[in-house]
Amino acid sequence: MPEIVPTAAEVIGEHLLSISWSDGRILHYPFDHLRAQCPCAHCSPEPGRARREPAAYAGIGLKRLEQVGSYAF
């Protein structure tokens, strides 16, 4: 099975990210939902605890969008 990777990304409006995937899908992700799902130690209160709700990040913006390695933005 081939690996599915992002092929393009663009900001749509003020709070929505559009990502095109190598399998042809184009999906839209609200910034607040992406931020709420961040698994890093800074964002996750404690290992094993639920992450914050998207409402905690209402109105969050994006300063820049750049590719990191061959599979992430």
PDB file of N, CA and C in Angstrom:
ATOM      1  N   MET A   1       0.850  -1.174   0.000  1.00  0.00           N
ATOM      2  CA  MET A   1       0.000   0.000   0.000  1.00  0.00           C
ATOM      3  C   MET A   1       0.899   1.241   0.000  1.00  0.00           C
ATOM      4  N   PRO A   2       0.693   2.164  -0.945  1.00  0.00           N
ATOM      5  CA  PRO A   2       1.529   3.367  -0.996  1.00  0.00           C
ATOM      6  C   PRO A   2       1.235   4.302   0.180  1.00  0.00           C
ATOM      7  N   GLU A   3       2.258   4.997   0.600  1.00  0.00           N
ATOM      8  CA  GLU A   3       2.123   5.958   1.693  1.00  0.00           C
ATOM      9  C   GLU A   3       1.354   7.179   1.200  1.00  0.00           C
ATOM     10  N   ILE A   4       0.412   7.651   1.991  1.00  0.00           N
ATOM     11  CA  ILE A   4      -0.360   8.841   1.643  1.00  0.00           C
ATOM     12  C   ILE A   4       0.311  10.029   2.322  1.00  0.00           C
ATOM     13  N   VAL A   5       0.711  11.012   1.515  1.00  0.00           N
ATOM     14  CA  VAL A   5       1.429  12.174   2.026  1.00  0.00           C
ATOM     15  C   VAL A   5       0.772  13.446   1.495  1.00  0.00           C
ATOM     16  N   PRO A   6       0.960  14.569   2.193  1.00  0.00           N
ATOM     17  CA  PRO A   6       0.430  15.828   1.677  1.00  0.00           C
ATOM     18  C   PRO A   6       1.222  16.262   0.445  1.00  0.00           C
ATOM     19  N   THR A   7       0.517  16.808  -0.531  1.00  0.00           N
ATOM     20  CA  THR A   7       1.175  17.287  -1.746  1.00  0.00           C
ATOM     21  C   THR A   7       1.119  18.795  -1.878  1.00  0.00           C
ATOM     22  N   ALA A   8       0.162  19.420  -1.191  1.00  0.00           N
ATOM     23  CA  ALA A   8       0.035  20.881  -1.228  1.00  0.00           C
ATOM     24  C   ALA A   8      -0.817  21.320  -0.051  1.00  0.00           C
ATOM     25  N   ALA A   9      -0.614  22.565   0.335  1.00  0.00           N
ATOM     26  CA  ALA A   9      -1.426  23.138   1.410  1.00  0.00           C
ATOM     27  C   ALA A   9      -1.598  24.621   1.141  1.00  0.00           C
ATOM     28  N   GLU A  10      -2.761  25.135   1.510  1.00  0.00           N
ATOM     29  CA  GLU A  10      -2.998  26.562   1.374  1.00  0.00           C
ATOM     30  C   GLU A  10      -4.001  27.016   2.421  1.00  0.00           C
ATOM     31  N   VAL A  11      -3.862  28.255   2.808  1.00  0.00           N
ATOM     32  CA  VAL A  11      -4.781  28.847   3.763  1.00  0.00           C
ATOM     33  C   VAL A  11      -5.989  29.359   2.993  1.00  0.00           C
ATOM     34  N   ILE A  12      -7.167  28.999   3.484  1.00  0.00           N
ATOM     35  CA  ILE A  12      -8.422  29.439   2.874  1.00  0.00           C
ATOM     36  C   ILE A  12      -9.131  30.316   3.905  1.00  0.00           C
ATOM     37  N   GLY A  13      -9.371  31.534   3.595  1.00  0.00           N
ATOM     38  CA  GLY A  13     -10.000  32.434   4.555  1.00  0.00           C
ATOM     39  C   GLY A  13      -9.052  32.731   5.699  1.00  0.00           C
ATOM     40  N   GLU A  14      -9.598  33.050   6.846  1.00  0.00           N
ATOM     41  CA  GLU A  14      -8.776  33.429   7.990  1.00  0.00           C
ATOM     42  C   GLU A  14      -8.451  32.277   8.927  1.00  0.00           C
ATOM     43  N   HIS A  15      -9.244  31.194   8.902  1.00  0.00           N
ATOM     44  CA  HIS A  15      -9.080  30.159   9.923  1.00  0.00           C
ATOM     45  C   HIS A  15      -9.206  28.735   9.399  1.00  0.00           C
ATOM     46  N   LEU A  16      -8.855  28.515   8.117  1.00  0.00           N
ATOM     47  CA  LEU A  16      -9.042  27.191   7.535  1.00  0.00           C
ATOM     48  C   LEU A  16      -7.847  26.824   6.657  1.00  0.00           C
ATOM     49  N   LEU A  17      -7.345  25.606   6.840  1.00  0.00           N
ATOM     50  CA  LEU A  17      -6.233  25.092   6.061  1.00  0.00           C
ATOM     51  C   LEU A  17      -6.749  24.004   5.128  1.00  0.00           C
ATOM     52  N   SER A  18      -6.406  24.102   3.852  1.00  0.00           N
ATOM     53  CA  SER A  18      -6.765  23.095   2.865  1.00  0.00           C
ATOM     54  C   SER A  18      -5.511  22.290   2.543  1.00  0.00           C
ATOM     55  N   ILE A  19      -5.595  20.963   2.667  1.00  0.00           N
ATOM     56  CA  ILE A  19      -4.461  20.099   2.353  1.00  0.00           C
ATOM     57  C   ILE A  19      -4.871  19.113   1.263  1.00  0.00           C
ATOM     58  N   SER A  20      -4.058  19.063   0.210  1.00  0.00           N
ATOM     59  CA  SER A  20      -4.235  18.081  -0.864  1.00  0.00           C
ATOM     60  C   SER A  20      -3.345  16.893  -0.530  1.00  0.00           C
ATOM     61  N   TRP A  21      -3.892  15.684  -0.690  1.00  0.00           N
ATOM     62  CA  TRP A  21      -3.175  14.455  -0.343  1.00  0.00           C
ATOM     63  C   TRP A  21      -2.846  13.672  -1.606  1.00  0.00           C
ATOM     64  N   SER A  22      -1.822  12.829  -1.526  1.00  0.00           N
ATOM     65  CA  SER A  22      -1.353  12.067  -2.686  1.00  0.00           C
ATOM     66  C   SER A  22      -2.376  11.066  -3.220  1.00  0.00           C
ATOM     67  N   ASP A  23      -3.411  10.771  -2.449  1.00  0.00           N
ATOM     68  CA  ASP A  23      -4.458   9.868  -2.944  1.00  0.00           C
ATOM     69  C   ASP A  23      -5.583  10.624  -3.652  1.00  0.00           C
ATOM     70  N   GLY A  24      -5.391  11.944  -3.838  1.00  0.00           N
ATOM     71  CA  GLY A  24      -6.372  12.747  -4.559  1.00  0.00           C
ATOM     72  C   GLY A  24      -7.356  13.495  -3.686  1.00  0.00           C
ATOM     73  N   ARG A  25      -7.418  13.160  -2.404  1.00  0.00           N
ATOM     74  CA  ARG A  25      -8.354  13.856  -1.519  1.00  0.00           C
ATOM     75  C   ARG A  25      -7.859  15.269  -1.223  1.00  0.00           C
ATOM     76  N   ILE A  26      -8.805  16.174  -1.024  1.00  0.00           N
ATOM     77  CA  ILE A  26      -8.522  17.523  -0.550  1.00  0.00           C
ATOM     78  C   ILE A  26      -9.384  17.713   0.687  1.00  0.00           C
ATOM     79  N   LEU A  27      -8.736  17.917   1.816  1.00  0.00           N
ATOM     80  CA  LEU A  27      -9.463  18.053   3.086  1.00  0.00           C
ATOM     81  C   LEU A  27      -9.213  19.427   3.688  1.00  0.00           C
ATOM     82  N   HIS A  28     -10.206  19.902   4.439  1.00  0.00           N
ATOM     83  CA  HIS A  28     -10.124  21.214   5.076  1.00  0.00           C
ATOM     84  C   HIS A  28     -10.080  21.054   6.587  1.00  0.00           C
ATOM     85  N   TYR A  29      -9.168  21.789   7.216  1.00  0.00           N
ATOM     86  CA  TYR A  29      -8.948  21.681   8.652  1.00  0.00           C
ATOM     87  C   TYR A  29      -9.026  23.063   9.311  1.00  0.00           C
ATOM     88  N   PRO A  30      -9.965  23.273  10.218  1.00  0.00           N
ATOM     89  CA  PRO A  30     -10.006  24.534  10.958  1.00  0.00           C
ATOM     90  C   PRO A  30      -8.779  24.641  11.866  1.00  0.00           C
ATOM     91  N   PHE A  31      -8.181  25.826  11.918  1.00  0.00           N
ATOM     92  CA  PHE A  31      -6.981  26.031  12.736  1.00  0.00           C
ATOM     93  C   PHE A  31      -7.191  25.626  14.188  1.00  0.00           C
ATOM     94  N   ASP A  32      -8.355  25.977  14.758  1.00  0.00           N
ATOM     95  CA  ASP A  32      -8.568  25.676  16.185  1.00  0.00           C
ATOM     96  C   ASP A  32      -8.585  24.166  16.443  1.00  0.00           C
ATOM     97  N   HIS A  33      -9.099  23.388  15.501  1.00  0.00           N
ATOM     98  CA  HIS A  33      -9.112  21.930  15.659  1.00  0.00           C
ATOM     99  C   HIS A  33      -7.699  21.352  15.540  1.00  0.00           C
ATOM    100  N   LEU A  34      -6.913  21.869  14.599  1.00  0.00           N
ATOM    101  CA  LEU A  34      -5.529  21.400  14.464  1.00  0.00           C
ATOM    102  C   LEU A  34      -4.734  21.694  15.732  1.00  0.00           C
ATOM    103  N   ARG A  35      -4.880  22.905  16.246  1.00  0.00           N
ATOM    104  CA  ARG A  35      -4.133  23.293  17.447  1.00  0.00           C
ATOM    105  C   ARG A  35      -4.544  22.441  18.645  1.00  0.00           C
ATOM    106  N   ALA A  36      -5.818  22.142  18.762  1.00  0.00           N
ATOM    107  CA  ALA A  36      -6.312  21.339  19.887  1.00  0.00           C
ATOM    108  C   ALA A  36      -5.782  19.904  19.837  1.00  0.00           C
ATOM    109  N   GLN A  37      -5.404  19.408  18.655  1.00  0.00           N
ATOM    110  CA  GLN A  37      -4.900  18.043  18.508  1.00  0.00           C
ATOM    111  C   GLN A  37      -3.384  17.936  18.591  1.00  0.00           C
ATOM    112  N   CYS A  38      -2.698  19.035  18.805  1.00  0.00           N
ATOM    113  CA  CYS A  38      -1.236  19.013  18.864  1.00  0.00           C
ATOM    114  C   CYS A  38      -0.770  18.106  20.005  1.00  0.00           C
ATOM    115  N   PRO A  39       0.118  17.129  19.718  1.00  0.00           N
ATOM    116  CA  PRO A  39       0.554  16.178  20.745  1.00  0.00           C
ATOM    117  C   PRO A  39       1.813  16.605  21.508  1.00  0.00           C
ATOM    118  N   CYS A  40       2.356  17.777  21.219  1.00  0.00           N
ATOM    119  CA  CYS A  40       3.627  18.142  21.862  1.00  0.00           C
ATOM    120  C   CYS A  40       3.444  18.382  23.365  1.00  0.00           C
ATOM    121  N   ALA A  41       4.545  18.334  24.087  1.00  0.00           N
ATOM    122  CA  ALA A  41       4.513  18.490  25.543  1.00  0.00           C
ATOM    123  C   ALA A  41       3.997  19.865  25.958  1.00  0.00           C
ATOM    124  N   HIS A  42       4.233  20.859  25.144  1.00  0.00           N
ATOM    125  CA  HIS A  42       3.763  22.206  25.465  1.00  0.00           C
ATOM    126  C   HIS A  42       2.233  22.296  25.406  1.00  0.00           C
ATOM    127  N   CYS A  43       1.635  21.582  24.472  1.00  0.00           N
ATOM    128  CA  CYS A  43       0.189  21.691  24.246  1.00  0.00           C
ATOM    129  C   CYS A  43      -0.639  20.692  25.039  1.00  0.00           C
ATOM    130  N   SER A  44      -0.102  19.538  25.318  1.00  0.00           N
ATOM    131  CA  SER A  44      -0.843  18.504  26.019  1.00  0.00           C
ATOM    132  C   SER A  44      -0.622  18.682  27.519  1.00  0.00           C
ATOM    133  N   PRO A  45      -1.684  18.868  28.301  1.00  0.00           N
ATOM    134  CA  PRO A  45      -1.532  19.141  29.731  1.00  0.00           C
ATOM    135  C   PRO A  45      -0.668  18.109  30.456  1.00  0.00           C
ATOM    136  N   GLU A  46      -0.924  16.836  30.235  1.00  0.00           N
ATOM    137  CA  GLU A  46      -0.151  15.748  30.842  1.00  0.00           C
ATOM    138  C   GLU A  46      -0.325  14.513  29.978  1.00  0.00           C
ATOM    139  N   PRO A  47       0.676  13.641  29.947  1.00  0.00           N
ATOM    140  CA  PRO A  47       0.489  12.395  29.197  1.00  0.00           C
ATOM    141  C   PRO A  47      -0.729  11.645  29.729  1.00  0.00           C
ATOM    142  N   GLY A  48      -1.547  11.169  28.828  1.00  0.00           N
ATOM    143  CA  GLY A  48      -2.720  10.410  29.238  1.00  0.00           C
ATOM    144  C   GLY A  48      -3.954  11.257  29.504  1.00  0.00           C
ATOM    145  N   ARG A  49      -3.804  12.566  29.548  1.00  0.00           N
ATOM    146  CA  ARG A  49      -4.972  13.442  29.764  1.00  0.00           C
ATOM    147  C   ARG A  49      -5.481  13.952  28.432  1.00  0.00           C
ATOM    148  N   ALA A  50      -6.750  14.256  28.402  1.00  0.00           N
ATOM    149  CA  ALA A  50      -7.353  14.762  27.176  1.00  0.00           C
ATOM    150  C   ALA A  50      -6.731  16.097  26.800  1.00  0.00           C
ATOM    151  N   ARG A  51      -6.642  16.333  25.509  1.00  0.00           N
ATOM    152  CA  ARG A  51      -6.163  17.627  25.027  1.00  0.00           C
ATOM    153  C   ARG A  51      -7.253  18.655  25.234  1.00  0.00           C
ATOM    154  N   ARG A  52      -6.938  19.877  24.965  1.00  0.00           N
ATOM    155  CA  ARG A  52      -7.912  20.953  25.122  1.00  0.00           C
ATOM    156  C   ARG A  52      -8.960  20.892  24.030  1.00  0.00           C
ATOM    157  N   GLU A  53     -10.069  21.520  24.292  1.00  0.00           N
ATOM    158  CA  GLU A  53     -11.147  21.611  23.310  1.00  0.00           C
ATOM    159  C   GLU A  53     -10.791  22.684  22.274  1.00  0.00           C
ATOM    160  N   PRO A  54     -11.245  22.540  21.039  1.00  0.00           N
ATOM    161  CA  PRO A  54     -10.974  23.558  20.024  1.00  0.00           C
ATOM    162  C   PRO A  54     -11.411  24.965  20.452  1.00  0.00           C
ATOM    163  N   ALA A  55     -12.466  25.057  21.246  1.00  0.00           N
ATOM    164  CA  ALA A  55     -12.948  26.372  21.692  1.00  0.00           C
ATOM    165  C   ALA A  55     -11.865  27.132  22.462  1.00  0.00           C
ATOM    166  N   ALA A  56     -10.917  26.417  23.058  1.00  0.00           N
ATOM    167  CA  ALA A  56      -9.830  27.075  23.784  1.00  0.00           C
ATOM    168  C   ALA A  56      -8.933  27.860  22.837  1.00  0.00           C
ATOM    169  N   TYR A  57      -9.015  27.575  21.541  1.00  0.00           N
ATOM    170  CA  TYR A  57      -8.170  28.232  20.546  1.00  0.00           C
ATOM    171  C   TYR A  57      -8.987  29.037  19.534  1.00  0.00           C
ATOM    172  N   ALA A  58     -10.180  29.427  19.902  1.00  0.00           N
ATOM    173  CA  ALA A  58     -11.041  30.202  19.001  1.00  0.00           C
ATOM    174  C   ALA A  58     -10.301  31.433  18.494  1.00  0.00           C
ATOM    175  N   GLY A  59     -10.360  31.658  17.207  1.00  0.00           N
ATOM    176  CA  GLY A  59      -9.742  32.833  16.612  1.00  0.00           C
ATOM    177  C   GLY A  59      -8.257  32.698  16.340  1.00  0.00           C
ATOM    178  N   ILE A  60      -7.666  31.524  16.582  1.00  0.00           N
ATOM    179  CA  ILE A  60      -6.235  31.336  16.360  1.00  0.00           C
ATOM    180  C   ILE A  60      -5.912  31.520  14.880  1.00  0.00           C
ATOM    181  N   GLY A  61      -4.749  32.096  14.612  1.00  0.00           N
ATOM    182  CA  GLY A  61      -4.346  32.359  13.239  1.00  0.00           C
ATOM    183  C   GLY A  61      -3.106  31.574  12.857  1.00  0.00           C
ATOM    184  N   LEU A  62      -2.595  31.891  11.704  1.00  0.00           N
ATOM    185  CA  LEU A  62      -1.413  31.227  11.168  1.00  0.00           C
ATOM    186  C   LEU A  62      -0.465  32.300  10.663  1.00  0.00           C
ATOM    187  N   LYS A  63       0.787  32.277  11.122  1.00  0.00           N
ATOM    188  CA  LYS A  63       1.770  33.271  10.702  1.00  0.00           C
ATOM    189  C   LYS A  63       2.420  32.899   9.372  1.00  0.00           C
ATOM    190  N   ARG A  64       2.728  31.610   9.205  1.00  0.00           N
ATOM    191  CA  ARG A  64       3.324  31.148   7.960  1.00  0.00           C
ATOM    192  C   ARG A  64       3.041  29.656   7.791  1.00  0.00           C
ATOM    193  N   LEU A  65       3.217  29.183   6.582  1.00  0.00           N
ATOM    194  CA  LEU A  65       3.001  27.783   6.260  1.00  0.00           C
ATOM    195  C   LEU A  65       4.206  27.323   5.459  1.00  0.00           C
ATOM    196  N   GLU A  66       4.925  26.325   5.980  1.00  0.00           N
ATOM    197  CA  GLU A  66       6.090  25.814   5.264  1.00  0.00           C
ATOM    198  C   GLU A  66       6.182  24.306   5.424  1.00  0.00           C
ATOM    199  N   GLN A  67       6.759  23.671   4.432  1.00  0.00           N
ATOM    200  CA  GLN A  67       6.920  22.218   4.477  1.00  0.00           C
ATOM    201  C   GLN A  67       8.090  21.862   5.375  1.00  0.00           C
ATOM    202  N   VAL A  68       7.915  20.780   6.167  1.00  0.00           N
ATOM    203  CA  VAL A  68       8.960  20.277   7.065  1.00  0.00           C
ATOM    204  C   VAL A  68       9.269  18.847   6.625  1.00  0.00           C
ATOM    205  N   GLY A  69      10.463  18.624   6.128  1.00  0.00           N
ATOM    206  CA  GLY A  69      10.794  17.295   5.630  1.00  0.00           C
ATOM    207  C   GLY A  69       9.983  16.975   4.386  1.00  0.00           C
ATOM    208  N   SER A  70       9.660  15.704   4.216  1.00  0.00           N
ATOM    209  CA  SER A  70       8.934  15.300   3.010  1.00  0.00           C
ATOM    210  C   SER A  70       7.480  14.950   3.276  1.00  0.00           C
ATOM    211  N   TYR A  71       7.001  15.167   4.510  1.00  0.00           N
ATOM    212  CA  TYR A  71       5.635  14.733   4.789  1.00  0.00           C
ATOM    213  C   TYR A  71       4.853  15.643   5.716  1.00  0.00           C
ATOM    214  N   ALA A  72       5.385  16.745   6.132  1.00  0.00           N
ATOM    215  CA  ALA A  72       4.666  17.580   7.109  1.00  0.00           C
ATOM    216  C   ALA A  72       4.749  19.059   6.730  1.00  0.00           C
ATOM    217  N   PHE A  73       3.773  19.809   7.253  1.00  0.00           N
ATOM    218  CA  PHE A  73       3.765  21.263   7.090  1.00  0.00           C
ATOM    219  C   PHE A  73       3.840  21.903   8.443  1.00  0.00           C
TER     220      PHE A  73
END
